[in-house]
Amino acid sequence: MSIAARAPATIRAISPYVPSKPITELAREMGLAVESIVKLASNENPLGMSPKARAAVECANAGIERYPEIRPDRRAIGAAGGGGRGQIV
């Protein structure tokens, strides 16, 4: 049995993504300069990320390279797993 056959029917019924034409192909077909085309169909923003969005992402990413401190949760994790706090590394 294939992996696709194991998916629920509702998932299998979803149409596959059909990418839009590349800008170069569209420019050639329409007789336009590539620089005059703004591609919005792919949810792209020709102006770039807004300063507020960039600040929010930078704030959310602060410290992302560090593992979270889990010491306060060790007792609960150990109890949920049927063991003790000392079994959680």
C-alpha atoms as a PDB file:
ATOM      1  CA  MET A   1       0.000   0.000   0.000  1.00  0.00           C
ATOM      2  CA  SER A   2       1.419   3.407  -0.951  1.00  0.00           C
ATOM      3  CA  ILE A   3       1.777   6.226   1.557  1.00  0.00           C
ATOM      4  CA  ALA A   4      -0.742   8.283  -0.438  1.00  0.00           C
ATOM      5  CA  ALA A   5      -3.319   5.482  -0.169  1.00  0.00           C
ATOM      6  CA  ARG A   6      -3.023   5.605   3.620  1.00  0.00           C
ATOM      7  CA  ALA A   7      -4.022   9.270   3.749  1.00  0.00           C
ATOM      8  CA  PRO A   8      -7.656  10.081   4.573  1.00  0.00           C
ATOM      9  CA  ALA A   9      -9.940  10.638   1.576  1.00  0.00           C
ATOM     10  CA  THR A  10     -10.310  14.307   2.507  1.00  0.00           C
ATOM     11  CA  ILE A  11      -6.553  14.758   2.126  1.00  0.00           C
ATOM     12  CA  ARG A  12      -6.362  12.754  -1.110  1.00  0.00           C
ATOM     13  CA  ALA A  13      -9.145  14.942  -2.571  1.00  0.00           C
ATOM     14  CA  ILE A  14      -7.056  18.123  -2.257  1.00  0.00           C
ATOM     15  CA  SER A  15      -5.882  19.333  -5.657  1.00  0.00           C
ATOM     16  CA  PRO A  16      -2.117  19.542  -6.013  1.00  0.00           C
ATOM     17  CA  TYR A  17      -0.482  22.961  -6.093  1.00  0.00           C
ATOM     18  CA  VAL A  18      -0.046  24.327  -9.612  1.00  0.00           C
ATOM     19  CA  PRO A  19       2.702  26.950  -9.659  1.00  0.00           C
ATOM     20  CA  SER A  20       2.227  30.161 -11.573  1.00  0.00           C
ATOM     21  CA  LYS A  21       4.257  30.937 -14.687  1.00  0.00           C
ATOM     22  CA  PRO A  22       7.741  32.294 -14.170  1.00  0.00           C
ATOM     23  CA  ILE A  23       7.966  36.056 -14.699  1.00  0.00           C
ATOM     24  CA  THR A  24      10.278  35.576 -17.671  1.00  0.00           C
ATOM     25  CA  GLU A  25       7.712  33.389 -19.445  1.00  0.00           C
ATOM     26  CA  LEU A  26       4.888  35.833 -18.726  1.00  0.00           C
ATOM     27  CA  ALA A  27       6.978  38.776 -19.958  1.00  0.00           C
ATOM     28  CA  ARG A  28       7.768  36.940 -23.184  1.00  0.00           C
ATOM     29  CA  GLU A  29       4.097  35.980 -23.779  1.00  0.00           C
ATOM     30  CA  MET A  30       2.766  39.460 -23.005  1.00  0.00           C
ATOM     31  CA  GLY A  31       5.580  41.428 -24.640  1.00  0.00           C
ATOM     32  CA  LEU A  32       6.489  43.170 -21.366  1.00  0.00           C
ATOM     33  CA  ALA A  33       9.768  43.995 -19.691  1.00  0.00           C
ATOM     34  CA  VAL A  34      10.534  41.643 -16.789  1.00  0.00           C
ATOM     35  CA  GLU A  35      11.195  44.674 -14.548  1.00  0.00           C
ATOM     36  CA  SER A  36       7.656  45.982 -15.153  1.00  0.00           C
ATOM     37  CA  ILE A  37       5.994  42.881 -13.677  1.00  0.00           C
ATOM     38  CA  VAL A  38       5.127  42.641  -9.985  1.00  0.00           C
ATOM     39  CA  LYS A  39       4.372  39.064  -9.009  1.00  0.00           C
ATOM     40  CA  LEU A  40       1.544  38.993  -6.458  1.00  0.00           C
ATOM     41  CA  ALA A  41       0.053  35.580  -7.246  1.00  0.00           C
ATOM     42  CA  SER A  42       2.636  33.845  -5.059  1.00  0.00           C
ATOM     43  CA  ASN A  43       1.914  36.087  -2.079  1.00  0.00           C
ATOM     44  CA  GLU A  44       5.127  38.037  -2.608  1.00  0.00           C
ATOM     45  CA  ASN A  45       5.558  41.612  -1.488  1.00  0.00           C
ATOM     46  CA  PRO A  46       7.639  43.781  -3.847  1.00  0.00           C
ATOM     47  CA  LEU A  47       8.241  46.242  -0.996  1.00  0.00           C
ATOM     48  CA  GLY A  48       9.762  43.676   1.345  1.00  0.00           C
ATOM     49  CA  MET A  49       8.889  43.030   4.974  1.00  0.00           C
ATOM     50  CA  SER A  50       7.339  45.879   6.928  1.00  0.00           C
ATOM     51  CA  PRO A  51       9.514  47.341   9.703  1.00  0.00           C
ATOM     52  CA  LYS A  52       6.898  46.331  12.312  1.00  0.00           C
ATOM     53  CA  ALA A  53       6.812  42.735  11.070  1.00  0.00           C
ATOM     54  CA  ARG A  54      10.624  42.588  10.986  1.00  0.00           C
ATOM     55  CA  ALA A  55      10.804  43.888  14.576  1.00  0.00           C
ATOM     56  CA  ALA A  56       8.226  41.298  15.701  1.00  0.00           C
ATOM     57  CA  VAL A  57      10.188  38.458  14.067  1.00  0.00           C
ATOM     58  CA  GLU A  58      13.459  39.656  15.582  1.00  0.00           C
ATOM     59  CA  CYS A  59      11.823  39.876  19.015  1.00  0.00           C
ATOM     60  CA  ALA A  60      10.315  36.386  18.676  1.00  0.00           C
ATOM     61  CA  ASN A  61      13.672  34.961  17.564  1.00  0.00           C
ATOM     62  CA  ALA A  62      15.648  36.414  20.473  1.00  0.00           C
ATOM     63  CA  GLY A  63      17.295  33.503  22.262  1.00  0.00           C
ATOM     64  CA  ILE A  64      15.893  30.888  19.878  1.00  0.00           C
ATOM     65  CA  GLU A  65      19.323  29.235  19.621  1.00  0.00           C
ATOM     66  CA  ARG A  66      19.194  28.230  23.287  1.00  0.00           C
ATOM     67  CA  TYR A  67      17.359  25.233  24.678  1.00  0.00           C
ATOM     68  CA  PRO A  68      14.518  26.142  27.034  1.00  0.00           C
ATOM     69  CA  GLU A  69      15.068  25.713  30.757  1.00  0.00           C
ATOM     70  CA  ILE A  70      12.927  22.743  31.815  1.00  0.00           C
ATOM     71  CA  ARG A  71      13.993  22.211  35.420  1.00  0.00           C
ATOM     72  CA  PRO A  72      10.674  23.375  36.912  1.00  0.00           C
ATOM     73  CA  ASP A  73       8.855  20.835  34.731  1.00  0.00           C
ATOM     74  CA  ARG A  74      11.007  17.781  35.513  1.00  0.00           C
ATOM     75  CA  ARG A  75       8.820  16.610  38.376  1.00  0.00           C
ATOM     76  CA  ALA A  76       5.663  16.741  36.229  1.00  0.00           C
ATOM     77  CA  ILE A  77       7.370  15.102  33.262  1.00  0.00           C
ATOM     78  CA  GLY A  78       8.788  12.345  35.433  1.00  0.00           C
ATOM     79  CA  ALA A  79       5.420  11.725  37.083  1.00  0.00           C
ATOM     80  CA  ALA A  80       3.646  11.585  33.722  1.00  0.00           C
ATOM     81  CA  GLY A  81       6.118   8.993  32.491  1.00  0.00           C
ATOM     82  CA  GLY A  82       5.756   6.866  35.608  1.00  0.00           C
ATOM     83  CA  GLY A  83       9.209   7.720  36.850  1.00  0.00           C
ATOM     84  CA  GLY A  84      10.761  10.317  39.023  1.00  0.00           C
ATOM     85  CA  ARG A  85      12.339  13.700  38.591  1.00  0.00           C
ATOM     86  CA  GLY A  86      15.821  12.188  38.584  1.00  0.00           C
ATOM     87  CA  GLN A  87      15.113  10.196  35.424  1.00  0.00           C
ATOM     88  CA  ILE A  88      14.687  13.335  33.295  1.00  0.00           C
ATOM     89  CA  VAL A  89      17.911  14.645  31.779  1.00  0.00           C
END
